[in-house]
Amino acid sequence: MQPLKLLVVEDNLASLELMTEVFTSLKAEVRPISDSEKAVGAVNQEKFDGIFLDLEMPKLNGFDLARLIRKSSWNKSTPIVIVTGRAQWAFEHCAG
């Protein structure tokens, strides 16, 4: 069985390293990217099994990047998970 190929986009290098280590320890193949604009190029050139996006990043935030990913031919149906370290913001904006 092939390992899952995951894209992790996070501008905080400590968080990017942590997520990369966790997914790698679970035998996933991880492509870590710290720049949201560079991630646009990656999703237009490679197929991923899952994509993890930081909510708040310079240039493109996680929601804007997700919208661009949905337009890509390679990853338009790839599952996307938006992550954030701001629990209060997530609760206020995403909870029912």
Protein backbone atom coordinates (compact mmCIF):
# COMPACT_ATOMS: atom_id res chain seq x y z
CA MET A 1 0.00 0.00 0.00
CA GLN A 2 1.29 3.44 -0.95
CA PRO A 3 1.76 6.02 1.85
CA LEU A 4 -0.64 8.95 1.87
CA LYS A 5 0.79 11.99 0.13
CA LEU A 6 -0.02 15.08 2.21
CA LEU A 7 0.51 18.77 1.60
CA VAL A 8 0.99 20.88 4.74
CA VAL A 9 0.94 24.67 4.30
CA GLU A 10 1.84 26.63 7.44
CA ASP A 11 3.78 29.89 7.76
CA ASN A 12 4.85 29.23 11.36
CA LEU A 13 7.98 27.10 10.96
CA ALA A 14 7.67 25.42 14.38
CA SER A 15 4.09 24.35 13.61
CA LEU A 16 5.08 23.24 10.10
CA GLU A 17 7.88 21.10 11.53
CA LEU A 18 5.60 19.61 14.19
CA MET A 19 2.87 18.65 11.71
CA THR A 20 5.47 17.23 9.33
CA GLU A 21 6.96 15.09 12.10
CA VAL A 22 3.55 13.82 13.23
CA PHE A 23 2.41 12.85 9.73
CA THR A 24 5.80 11.35 8.86
CA SER A 25 5.67 9.23 12.01
CA LEU A 26 2.36 7.89 10.72
CA LYS A 27 4.15 6.83 7.51
CA ALA A 28 2.75 9.61 5.32
CA GLU A 29 4.76 11.28 2.58
CA VAL A 30 4.66 14.97 3.52
CA ARG A 31 5.31 18.01 1.35
CA PRO A 32 5.77 20.92 3.81
CA ILE A 33 5.44 24.43 2.38
CA SER A 34 5.69 27.66 4.39
CA ASP A 35 4.52 30.07 1.67
CA SER A 36 0.89 30.03 0.56
CA GLU A 37 1.71 31.33 -2.93
CA LYS A 38 4.24 28.52 -3.46
CA ALA A 39 1.52 26.08 -2.41
CA VAL A 40 -0.59 27.22 -5.37
CA GLY A 41 2.16 26.00 -7.68
CA ALA A 42 2.38 22.66 -5.86
CA VAL A 43 -1.34 21.91 -6.13
CA ASN A 44 -1.24 22.68 -9.84
CA GLN A 45 1.64 20.24 -10.40
CA GLU A 46 1.04 17.35 -7.98
CA LYS A 47 -1.87 15.23 -6.77
CA PHE A 48 -2.23 14.97 -2.98
CA ASP A 49 -4.34 12.62 -0.86
CA GLY A 50 -4.96 15.32 1.75
CA ILE A 51 -4.16 18.99 2.29
CA PHE A 52 -3.71 20.81 5.61
CA LEU A 53 -3.85 24.62 5.46
CA ASP A 54 -3.14 27.18 8.14
CA LEU A 55 -6.05 29.60 8.49
CA GLU A 56 -3.99 32.77 8.89
CA MET A 57 -1.04 33.24 6.55
CA PRO A 58 0.45 36.24 4.78
CA LYS A 59 -0.41 36.63 1.09
CA LEU A 60 -3.25 34.04 0.92
CA ASN A 61 -5.17 32.85 3.97
CA GLY A 62 -6.34 29.26 4.27
CA PHE A 63 -9.83 29.92 2.90
CA ASP A 64 -8.51 31.82 -0.14
CA LEU A 65 -5.98 29.08 -0.81
CA ALA A 66 -8.69 26.42 -0.48
CA ARG A 67 -10.79 28.24 -3.10
CA LEU A 68 -7.83 28.19 -5.52
CA ILE A 69 -7.20 24.51 -4.80
CA ARG A 70 -10.81 23.72 -5.70
CA LYS A 71 -10.13 25.22 -9.14
CA SER A 72 -7.02 23.08 -9.75
CA SER A 73 -7.38 20.09 -12.03
CA TRP A 74 -5.12 17.94 -9.83
CA ASN A 75 -6.69 18.55 -6.41
CA LYS A 76 -10.21 19.89 -6.86
CA SER A 77 -11.69 16.99 -4.88
CA THR A 78 -8.80 16.40 -2.43
CA PRO A 79 -9.90 16.65 1.22
CA ILE A 80 -8.79 19.94 2.81
CA VAL A 81 -8.41 20.58 6.54
CA ILE A 82 -8.06 24.17 7.77
CA VAL A 83 -6.04 24.43 11.00
CA THR A 84 -5.55 27.35 13.37
CA GLY A 85 -3.94 28.04 16.70
CA ARG A 86 -6.66 30.60 17.47
CA ALA A 87 -9.34 28.52 19.16
CA GLN A 88 -11.54 31.51 20.08
CA TRP A 89 -11.63 32.79 16.48
CA ALA A 90 -12.52 29.33 15.20
CA PHE A 91 -15.28 28.96 17.77
CA GLU A 92 -16.79 32.36 16.96
CA HIS A 93 -16.63 31.98 13.16
CA CYS A 94 -17.09 28.28 12.54
CA ALA A 95 -19.31 26.93 15.32
CA GLY A 96 -22.98 26.59 14.50
